[in-house]
Protein backbone atom coordinates (compact mmCIF):
# COMPACT_ATOMS: atom_id res chain seq x y z
CA MET A 1 70.21 -97.11 -7.39
CA SER A 2 69.33 -100.52 -8.83
CA SER A 3 68.29 -103.29 -6.45
CA LEU A 4 69.95 -106.70 -6.47
CA LEU A 5 67.30 -107.92 -8.92
CA GLU A 6 67.56 -104.94 -11.27
CA ILE A 7 69.96 -103.77 -13.94
CA SER A 8 70.22 -100.12 -14.90
CA PRO A 9 69.71 -99.00 -18.51
CA GLU A 10 73.29 -97.74 -18.58
CA ARG A 11 74.73 -101.08 -17.49
CA LEU A 12 72.54 -103.01 -19.93
CA ALA A 13 73.61 -100.69 -22.75
CA ARG A 14 77.21 -101.78 -22.11
CA LEU A 15 76.26 -105.44 -22.52
CA ILE A 16 74.20 -105.08 -25.70
CA GLY A 17 76.26 -105.76 -28.81
CA THR A 18 78.67 -108.05 -26.98
CA PRO A 19 78.80 -111.87 -26.88
CA LYS A 20 78.04 -111.76 -23.14
CA CYS A 21 74.69 -110.03 -23.53
CA PRO A 22 71.92 -111.88 -21.65
CA ALA A 23 68.66 -112.92 -23.29
CA LEU A 24 66.44 -109.83 -23.48
CA LEU A 25 62.70 -110.42 -23.05
CA ASP A 26 60.11 -107.71 -23.66
CA VAL A 27 56.90 -108.57 -21.76
CA ARG A 28 55.01 -105.30 -22.21
CA ILE A 29 51.27 -105.67 -22.69
CA ASP A 30 49.96 -104.77 -26.14
CA GLU A 31 48.51 -101.43 -25.01
CA ASP A 32 51.88 -100.25 -23.69
CA PHE A 33 53.80 -101.62 -26.65
CA GLU A 34 51.56 -99.80 -29.13
CA VAL A 35 52.45 -96.48 -27.50
CA ASP A 36 56.08 -96.99 -28.57
CA PRO A 37 56.42 -100.05 -30.86
CA ARG A 38 60.17 -100.31 -30.59
CA LEU A 39 62.40 -102.84 -28.86
CA VAL A 40 65.55 -102.67 -26.78
CA PRO A 41 68.19 -103.88 -29.29
CA GLY A 42 68.36 -107.67 -29.34
CA SER A 43 65.17 -108.20 -27.36
CA VAL A 44 62.19 -110.33 -28.32
CA ARG A 45 58.57 -109.97 -27.25
CA ARG A 46 57.07 -112.62 -24.99
CA ASN A 47 53.65 -113.01 -23.40
CA TYR A 48 53.99 -112.71 -19.63
CA ARG A 49 50.78 -114.71 -19.12
CA ASN A 50 52.40 -118.02 -20.07
CA ALA A 51 55.94 -117.38 -18.90
CA GLN A 52 55.96 -120.76 -17.14
CA ASP A 53 55.48 -122.43 -20.53
CA TRP A 54 58.24 -120.72 -22.52
CA ALA A 55 60.78 -120.12 -19.74
CA ALA A 56 62.38 -123.52 -20.32
CA GLU A 57 63.00 -122.59 -23.98
CA ILE A 58 65.36 -119.70 -23.14
CA ASP A 59 68.78 -120.71 -24.44
CA SER A 60 70.82 -118.62 -22.03
CA ASP A 61 71.93 -118.79 -18.43
CA SER A 62 71.04 -115.13 -17.85
CA ALA A 63 68.22 -112.82 -18.89
CA VAL A 64 66.88 -109.31 -18.50
CA VAL A 65 63.11 -108.84 -18.42
CA ILE A 66 61.65 -105.61 -19.81
CA CYS A 67 58.16 -104.29 -19.15
CA HIS A 68 56.72 -100.79 -19.39
CA ARG A 69 58.07 -99.35 -16.14
CA GLY A 70 60.01 -102.22 -14.56
CA LYS A 71 57.31 -103.24 -12.09
CA LYS A 72 55.16 -106.29 -11.43
CA LEU A 73 55.22 -107.91 -14.90
CA SER A 74 59.01 -107.91 -15.07
CA TYR A 75 59.39 -109.14 -11.50
CA GLY A 76 56.90 -111.96 -12.01
CA VAL A 77 58.51 -113.21 -15.22
CA ALA A 78 62.01 -112.91 -13.72
CA ALA A 79 60.86 -115.04 -10.78
CA TRP A 80 59.63 -117.74 -13.13
CA LEU A 81 62.92 -117.70 -15.06
CA ARG A 82 64.91 -118.14 -11.87
CA ASN A 83 62.88 -121.29 -11.21
CA TYR A 84 64.44 -122.67 -14.39
CA GLY A 85 67.97 -121.83 -13.30
CA ILE A 86 68.25 -118.61 -15.31
CA ALA A 87 69.82 -115.64 -13.58
CA ALA A 88 67.10 -113.11 -14.36
CA GLU A 89 67.15 -109.37 -13.72
CA VAL A 90 64.60 -106.62 -14.32
CA LEU A 91 65.40 -103.56 -16.41
CA GLU A 92 65.21 -100.70 -13.93
CA GLY A 93 62.45 -98.33 -15.01
CA GLY A 94 61.48 -100.62 -17.89
CA PHE A 95 61.35 -99.62 -21.53
CA GLU A 96 60.14 -96.16 -20.54
CA ALA A 97 63.41 -95.43 -18.73
CA TRP A 98 65.41 -96.95 -21.58
CA ALA A 99 63.80 -94.63 -24.13
CA GLU A 100 63.96 -91.57 -21.87
CA GLY A 101 67.67 -92.21 -21.41
CA GLY A 102 68.23 -91.76 -25.14
CA HIS A 103 69.34 -95.33 -25.75
CA PRO A 104 68.78 -96.83 -29.23
CA ALA A 105 65.62 -98.81 -29.92
CA VAL A 106 64.71 -100.96 -32.92
CA PRO A 107 61.38 -100.25 -34.67
CA VAL A 108 59.44 -103.51 -34.76
CA SER A 109 58.23 -102.52 -38.25
CA ALA A 110 61.81 -102.92 -39.53
CA ILE A 111 62.17 -106.50 -38.31
CA PRO A 112 61.15 -109.17 -40.85
CA GLU A 113 58.48 -111.68 -39.93
CA ARG A 114 59.83 -114.50 -37.80
CA ASP A 115 59.56 -118.21 -38.61
CA ALA A 116 57.73 -120.82 -36.54
CA SER A 117 60.70 -120.99 -34.17
CA GLY A 118 60.70 -117.24 -33.60
CA ARG A 119 63.78 -116.52 -35.73
CA THR A 120 64.27 -114.05 -38.56
CA VAL A 121 65.61 -115.73 -41.72
CA TRP A 122 67.88 -113.87 -44.14
CA ILE A 123 69.37 -114.80 -47.51
CA THR A 124 72.24 -113.43 -49.58
CA ARG A 125 74.94 -114.35 -52.08
CA ALA A 126 77.45 -117.07 -51.30
CA ARG A 127 81.16 -116.43 -50.71
CA PRO A 128 80.82 -113.36 -48.48
CA LYS A 129 83.59 -110.84 -48.01
CA ILE A 130 82.61 -107.74 -45.99
CA ASP A 131 78.97 -106.54 -46.05
CA ARG A 132 77.63 -110.10 -46.02
CA ILE A 133 79.51 -110.80 -42.78
CA ALA A 134 79.14 -107.34 -41.21
CA CYS A 135 75.34 -107.29 -41.64
CA PRO A 136 74.76 -110.71 -40.02
CA TRP A 137 76.98 -109.60 -37.15
CA LEU A 138 74.85 -106.46 -36.69
CA ILE A 139 71.61 -108.45 -36.84
CA ARG A 140 72.72 -111.10 -34.35
CA ARG A 141 74.18 -108.62 -31.90
CA PHE A 142 71.49 -105.91 -32.06
CA VAL A 143 68.31 -107.23 -33.70
CA ASP A 144 67.82 -111.00 -33.45
CA PRO A 145 70.46 -113.14 -31.68
CA ARG A 146 68.91 -116.30 -33.18
CA ALA A 147 68.78 -115.05 -36.78
CA VAL A 148 69.42 -117.61 -39.53
CA PHE A 149 71.49 -116.78 -42.62
CA LEU A 150 71.31 -118.62 -45.92
CA TYR A 151 74.11 -118.23 -48.46
CA VAL A 152 73.19 -119.34 -51.98
CA SER A 153 74.31 -118.90 -55.59
CA PRO A 154 73.74 -115.23 -56.62
CA PRO A 155 71.15 -115.95 -59.37
CA GLU A 156 69.06 -117.97 -56.91
CA VAL A 157 68.83 -115.50 -54.02
CA GLU A 158 65.47 -113.92 -54.79
CA MET A 159 63.70 -117.12 -55.84
CA VAL A 160 65.01 -119.13 -52.88
CA GLY A 161 64.08 -116.25 -50.60
CA GLU A 162 60.50 -116.34 -51.86
CA ARG A 163 60.20 -120.11 -51.53
CA PHE A 164 61.70 -120.27 -48.05
CA ALA A 165 60.35 -116.98 -46.61
CA ALA A 166 63.84 -115.52 -46.23
CA THR A 167 64.60 -111.80 -46.43
CA PRO A 168 67.21 -110.95 -49.09
CA PHE A 169 70.03 -108.54 -48.32
CA ASP A 170 73.12 -107.13 -50.05
CA ILE A 171 72.18 -108.12 -53.58
CA ASP A 172 72.15 -106.13 -56.82
CA ALA A 173 68.41 -105.46 -56.83
CA PRO A 174 66.07 -102.65 -55.70
CA ILE A 175 65.35 -104.10 -52.26
CA ARG A 176 65.21 -102.53 -48.80
CA TRP A 177 68.36 -104.13 -47.46
CA SER A 178 71.06 -103.30 -49.98
CA HIS A 179 73.37 -100.48 -51.09
CA LYS A 180 71.80 -97.03 -51.45
CA GLY A 181 73.89 -94.45 -53.28
CA GLU A 182 77.26 -94.24 -51.55
CA LEU A 183 76.00 -96.21 -48.55
CA CYS A 184 76.67 -99.92 -48.19
CA THR A 185 74.12 -102.37 -46.78
CA PHE A 186 75.62 -102.12 -43.29
CA ASP A 187 75.03 -98.34 -43.34
CA VAL A 188 71.41 -98.89 -44.37
CA MET A 189 70.79 -101.41 -41.59
CA VAL A 190 72.34 -99.20 -38.91
CA GLU A 191 69.97 -96.40 -39.92
CA GLU A 192 66.81 -98.46 -40.56
CA PHE A 193 67.15 -100.38 -37.31
CA GLY A 194 67.51 -97.19 -35.27
CA LEU A 195 71.08 -98.03 -34.24
CA ALA A 196 72.88 -94.84 -35.24
CA THR A 197 75.05 -94.64 -32.12
CA GLU A 198 78.51 -93.12 -32.28
CA PRO A 199 80.36 -96.49 -32.11
CA LEU A 200 78.20 -98.11 -34.81
CA LEU A 201 78.44 -95.07 -37.07
CA ARG A 202 82.22 -95.21 -36.69
CA LEU A 203 82.18 -98.91 -37.53
CA ALA A 204 79.87 -98.23 -40.49
CA MET A 205 82.44 -95.83 -41.93
CA ILE A 206 85.11 -98.51 -41.71
CA VAL A 207 82.85 -101.14 -43.29
CA ARG A 208 81.83 -98.75 -46.08
CA GLY A 209 85.45 -97.92 -46.86
CA ALA A 210 86.44 -101.58 -47.02
CA ASP A 211 83.33 -102.71 -48.91
CA THR A 212 83.27 -99.98 -51.57
CA ALA A 213 87.01 -99.67 -52.29
CA ARG A 214 87.20 -96.25 -50.64
CA LEU A 215 89.96 -97.09 -48.24
CA ASP A 216 90.62 -93.41 -47.53
CA LEU A 217 87.34 -93.12 -45.59
CA ALA A 218 88.89 -94.53 -42.42
CA PRO A 219 92.46 -95.53 -41.50
CA GLU A 220 91.11 -98.90 -40.30
CA ALA A 221 89.37 -99.76 -43.59
CA PRO A 222 92.44 -101.37 -45.23
CA GLY A 223 92.91 -103.57 -42.16
CA LEU A 224 89.29 -104.73 -42.26
CA LEU A 225 89.58 -105.44 -45.97
CA ALA A 226 92.75 -107.48 -45.47
CA ALA A 227 91.28 -109.46 -42.57
CA SER A 228 88.04 -110.09 -44.49
CA LEU A 229 89.80 -111.32 -47.61
CA GLY A 230 92.01 -113.50 -45.46
CA LEU A 231 88.98 -115.09 -43.78
CA SER A 232 87.39 -115.76 -47.17
CA ARG A 233 90.53 -117.73 -48.15
CA MET A 234 90.64 -119.62 -44.86
CA TYR A 235 87.07 -120.97 -44.97
CA ALA A 236 85.34 -122.84 -47.79
CA ASP A 237 82.13 -123.02 -45.75
CA ASP A 238 80.31 -119.68 -45.61
CA LEU A 239 78.73 -120.35 -42.21
CA GLU A 240 82.07 -121.26 -40.69
CA GLN A 241 83.43 -118.02 -42.10
CA LEU A 242 80.49 -116.15 -40.54
CA GLU A 243 81.24 -117.60 -37.11
CA ALA A 244 84.89 -116.54 -37.41
CA GLY A 245 83.83 -113.14 -38.69
CA MET A 246 81.60 -112.60 -35.65
CA GLN A 247 84.73 -112.39 -33.49
CA LEU A 248 86.39 -110.04 -35.95
CA TYR A 249 83.49 -107.59 -35.79
CA ASP A 250 83.18 -108.02 -32.03
CA ALA A 251 86.76 -106.76 -31.81
CA PHE A 252 86.21 -103.85 -34.21
CA TYR A 253 83.04 -102.82 -32.36
CA ARG A 254 84.77 -102.83 -28.98
CA TRP A 255 87.57 -100.72 -30.45
CA CYS A 256 85.01 -98.29 -31.89
CA ARG A 257 83.22 -98.10 -28.55
CA ASP A 258 86.02 -98.20 -26.01
CA ALA A 259 89.53 -97.91 -27.41
CA THR A 260 89.78 -95.33 -30.18
CA GLU A 261 92.01 -93.10 -28.03
CA GLU A 262 94.26 -95.91 -26.87
CA THR A 263 97.66 -96.30 -28.51
CA HIS A 264 100.38 -98.90 -28.21
CA ASN A 265 103.81 -97.43 -28.80
CA TRP A 266 107.00 -99.41 -28.35
CA PRO A 267 109.61 -97.28 -26.59
CA SER A 268 112.16 -95.79 -28.98
CA PRO A 269 115.65 -97.22 -28.56
CA LYS A 270 117.99 -94.98 -26.62
CA LYS A 271 120.82 -93.42 -28.57
CA ASP A 272 124.34 -94.25 -27.54
CA ALA A 273 125.76 -91.71 -25.16
């Protein structure tokens, strides 16, 4: 049973992927990290030795600290965070328990290099519809909550990406983060980031159906397509559309995870006697 200062892997897994997920801080020492160089989805590595210096930078009122086995390093960093008014918990059993529990983990080798502020920077074509909203949602909810997205004119994506150290995605070019065969970019990211859980695979099927005009792949695909096209007409600013789309995908993800068996049937009218 978790103590008052701990959170179980199962409970944390329910928070990851939702807007209410706390800041996740991996403070494993290099030797432990090299044994399994993966991260709890959405977490970022921090050096426990100077926690008192970076604690004030955490832009969240709650946090979960992750070390190798959930012992002294996590407890020490969590104590520092609480001094800065952050409700900090320790992941029970640390990353070792997370991995042994079969929970998804993101290979650090798949995460692009971060900028000076510790953020990943991504670039794609302007006027997004489906993949170019779905992929940023996936990245912000499961890979890098502070990720930056640049939307530019299609012919300029690769050149701007080179000049501004941004990773291109969902463009018509032989790059890592784009369509592969029948798979859309969202499919590729779910697989490459080690996030092939049942809810995300279900969501990937819906996204693929809507994004590749194969609406028969999932009954929900036409609804996602309609909502996505509607959002693209509502917003002239791509970043405003992205923020609105985050809520749309939050809702689809929670349905995929928690509500696929739930129905809402209005009672049939009674026939006259």
